[in-house]
């Protein structure tokens, strides 16, 4: 991770209320994914300092810049065709 991403991650996990907020959001995402077809992909655009994979292990973590922990570097503005597979 870049220094800035590490700092954001530390800020999130170090603040109990903020971490609980993210955990609740990720849990809602996970619940919605349970309703989706199993043959699709679960992609987090702009993973940044998030820790969504703690709740959604199959999640494909992406961001516009490369750093450790990402699965793919993706520019969401270049994703013009929703049928395009990563």
C-alpha atoms as a PDB file:
ATOM      1  CA  UNK A   1       0.000   0.000   0.000  1.00  0.00           C
ATOM      2  CA  UNK A   2       1.092   3.542  -0.532  1.00  0.00           C
ATOM      3  CA  UNK A   3       1.858   5.649   2.504  1.00  0.00           C
ATOM      4  CA  UNK A   4      -1.376   7.630   2.050  1.00  0.00           C
ATOM      5  CA  UNK A   5      -3.469   4.461   1.810  1.00  0.00           C
ATOM      6  CA  UNK A   6      -1.784   3.005   4.898  1.00  0.00           C
ATOM      7  CA  UNK A   7      -2.499   6.204   6.803  1.00  0.00           C
ATOM      8  CA  UNK A   8      -6.201   6.127   5.812  1.00  0.00           C
ATOM      9  CA  UNK A   9      -6.466   2.468   6.775  1.00  0.00           C
ATOM     10  CA  UNK A  10      -4.877   3.144  10.167  1.00  0.00           C
ATOM     11  CA  UNK A  11      -7.238   6.062  10.695  1.00  0.00           C
ATOM     12  CA  UNK A  12     -10.274   3.896   9.940  1.00  0.00           C
ATOM     13  CA  UNK A  13      -9.337   0.916  12.076  1.00  0.00           C
ATOM     14  CA  UNK A  14      -8.130   3.161  14.879  1.00  0.00           C
ATOM     15  CA  UNK A  15     -11.495   4.875  15.271  1.00  0.00           C
ATOM     16  CA  UNK A  16     -14.049   2.496  16.695  1.00  0.00           C
ATOM     17  CA  UNK A  17     -17.155   4.292  15.379  1.00  0.00           C
ATOM     18  CA  UNK A  18     -15.705   4.676  11.879  1.00  0.00           C
ATOM     19  CA  UNK A  19     -14.672   1.034  11.691  1.00  0.00           C
ATOM     20  CA  UNK A  20     -18.121  -0.068  12.912  1.00  0.00           C
ATOM     21  CA  UNK A  21     -19.702   2.122  10.202  1.00  0.00           C
ATOM     22  CA  UNK A  22     -17.606   0.467   7.466  1.00  0.00           C
ATOM     23  CA  UNK A  23     -18.304  -2.986   8.898  1.00  0.00           C
ATOM     24  CA  UNK A  24     -22.056  -2.307   8.758  1.00  0.00           C
ATOM     25  CA  UNK A  25     -21.832  -1.059   5.159  1.00  0.00           C
ATOM     26  CA  UNK A  26     -19.764  -4.062   4.063  1.00  0.00           C
ATOM     27  CA  UNK A  27     -22.187  -6.403   5.796  1.00  0.00           C
ATOM     28  CA  UNK A  28     -25.063  -4.856   3.792  1.00  0.00           C
ATOM     29  CA  UNK A  29     -23.034  -5.318   0.597  1.00  0.00           C
ATOM     30  CA  UNK A  30     -22.420  -8.956   1.525  1.00  0.00           C
ATOM     31  CA  UNK A  31     -26.129  -9.515   2.148  1.00  0.00           C
ATOM     32  CA  UNK A  32     -27.011  -8.025  -1.251  1.00  0.00           C
ATOM     33  CA  UNK A  33     -24.413 -10.190  -2.963  1.00  0.00           C
ATOM     34  CA  UNK A  34     -26.110 -13.256  -1.496  1.00  0.00           C
ATOM     35  CA  UNK A  35     -29.124 -12.311  -3.652  1.00  0.00           C
ATOM     36  CA  UNK A  36     -27.069 -12.113  -6.875  1.00  0.00           C
ATOM     37  CA  UNK A  37     -26.297 -14.907  -9.349  1.00  0.00           C
ATOM     38  CA  UNK A  38     -23.243 -16.887  -8.275  1.00  0.00           C
ATOM     39  CA  UNK A  39     -21.593 -16.741 -11.696  1.00  0.00           C
ATOM     40  CA  UNK A  40     -20.951 -12.988 -11.543  1.00  0.00           C
ATOM     41  CA  UNK A  41     -18.080 -10.979 -10.129  1.00  0.00           C
ATOM     42  CA  UNK A  42     -18.071  -8.873  -6.975  1.00  0.00           C
ATOM     43  CA  UNK A  43     -15.905  -5.819  -7.672  1.00  0.00           C
ATOM     44  CA  UNK A  44     -15.040  -2.982  -5.324  1.00  0.00           C
ATOM     45  CA  UNK A  45     -14.113   0.090  -7.349  1.00  0.00           C
ATOM     46  CA  UNK A  46     -11.722   2.313  -5.453  1.00  0.00           C
ATOM     47  CA  UNK A  47     -10.792  -0.086  -2.664  1.00  0.00           C
ATOM     48  CA  UNK A  48      -8.455   2.485  -1.141  1.00  0.00           C
ATOM     49  CA  UNK A  49      -7.947   1.953   2.552  1.00  0.00           C
ATOM     50  CA  UNK A  50     -10.999  -0.260   2.861  1.00  0.00           C
ATOM     51  CA  UNK A  51     -11.073  -3.696   4.391  1.00  0.00           C
ATOM     52  CA  UNK A  52     -14.170  -5.037   2.644  1.00  0.00           C
ATOM     53  CA  UNK A  53     -12.594  -8.432   2.015  1.00  0.00           C
ATOM     54  CA  UNK A  54     -12.745  -9.138   5.727  1.00  0.00           C
ATOM     55  CA  UNK A  55     -16.520  -9.365   5.185  1.00  0.00           C
ATOM     56  CA  UNK A  56     -16.580 -10.346   1.490  1.00  0.00           C
ATOM     57  CA  UNK A  57     -13.621 -12.663   0.782  1.00  0.00           C
ATOM     58  CA  UNK A  58     -14.517 -13.189  -2.889  1.00  0.00           C
ATOM     59  CA  UNK A  59     -14.444  -9.456  -3.574  1.00  0.00           C
ATOM     60  CA  UNK A  60     -12.141  -8.259  -6.360  1.00  0.00           C
ATOM     61  CA  UNK A  61     -10.354  -5.217  -4.939  1.00  0.00           C
ATOM     62  CA  UNK A  62      -9.529  -2.519  -7.495  1.00  0.00           C
ATOM     63  CA  UNK A  63      -8.222   1.013  -7.561  1.00  0.00           C
ATOM     64  CA  UNK A  64      -6.912   3.457 -10.128  1.00  0.00           C
ATOM     65  CA  UNK A  65      -3.361   3.244  -8.729  1.00  0.00           C
ATOM     66  CA  UNK A  66      -1.429   0.096  -7.950  1.00  0.00           C
ATOM     67  CA  UNK A  67      -0.542  -0.851  -4.394  1.00  0.00           C
ATOM     68  CA  UNK A  68      -0.215  -4.014  -2.350  1.00  0.00           C
ATOM     69  CA  UNK A  69      -3.447  -5.815  -1.607  1.00  0.00           C
ATOM     70  CA  UNK A  70      -5.206  -4.974  -4.870  1.00  0.00           C
ATOM     71  CA  UNK A  71      -6.359  -7.615  -7.311  1.00  0.00           C
ATOM     72  CA  UNK A  72      -6.488  -5.281 -10.290  1.00  0.00           C
ATOM     73  CA  UNK A  73      -5.754  -1.720 -11.338  1.00  0.00           C
ATOM     74  CA  UNK A  74      -8.936  -0.354 -12.952  1.00  0.00           C
ATOM     75  CA  UNK A  75      -9.904   3.090 -14.184  1.00  0.00           C
ATOM     76  CA  UNK A  76     -13.681   3.109 -13.716  1.00  0.00           C
ATOM     77  CA  UNK A  77     -14.057   5.932 -16.246  1.00  0.00           C
ATOM     78  CA  UNK A  78     -12.685   3.586 -18.898  1.00  0.00           C
ATOM     79  CA  UNK A  79     -15.297   0.922 -18.154  1.00  0.00           C
ATOM     80  CA  UNK A  80     -17.688   1.990 -20.867  1.00  0.00           C
ATOM     81  CA  UNK A  81     -19.025  -1.462 -21.652  1.00  0.00           C
ATOM     82  CA  UNK A  82     -20.711  -3.103 -18.658  1.00  0.00           C
ATOM     83  CA  UNK A  83     -20.360  -6.491 -20.380  1.00  0.00           C
ATOM     84  CA  UNK A  84     -16.565  -6.187 -20.422  1.00  0.00           C
ATOM     85  CA  UNK A  85     -15.016  -8.737 -18.133  1.00  0.00           C
ATOM     86  CA  UNK A  86     -12.072  -7.940 -15.953  1.00  0.00           C
END
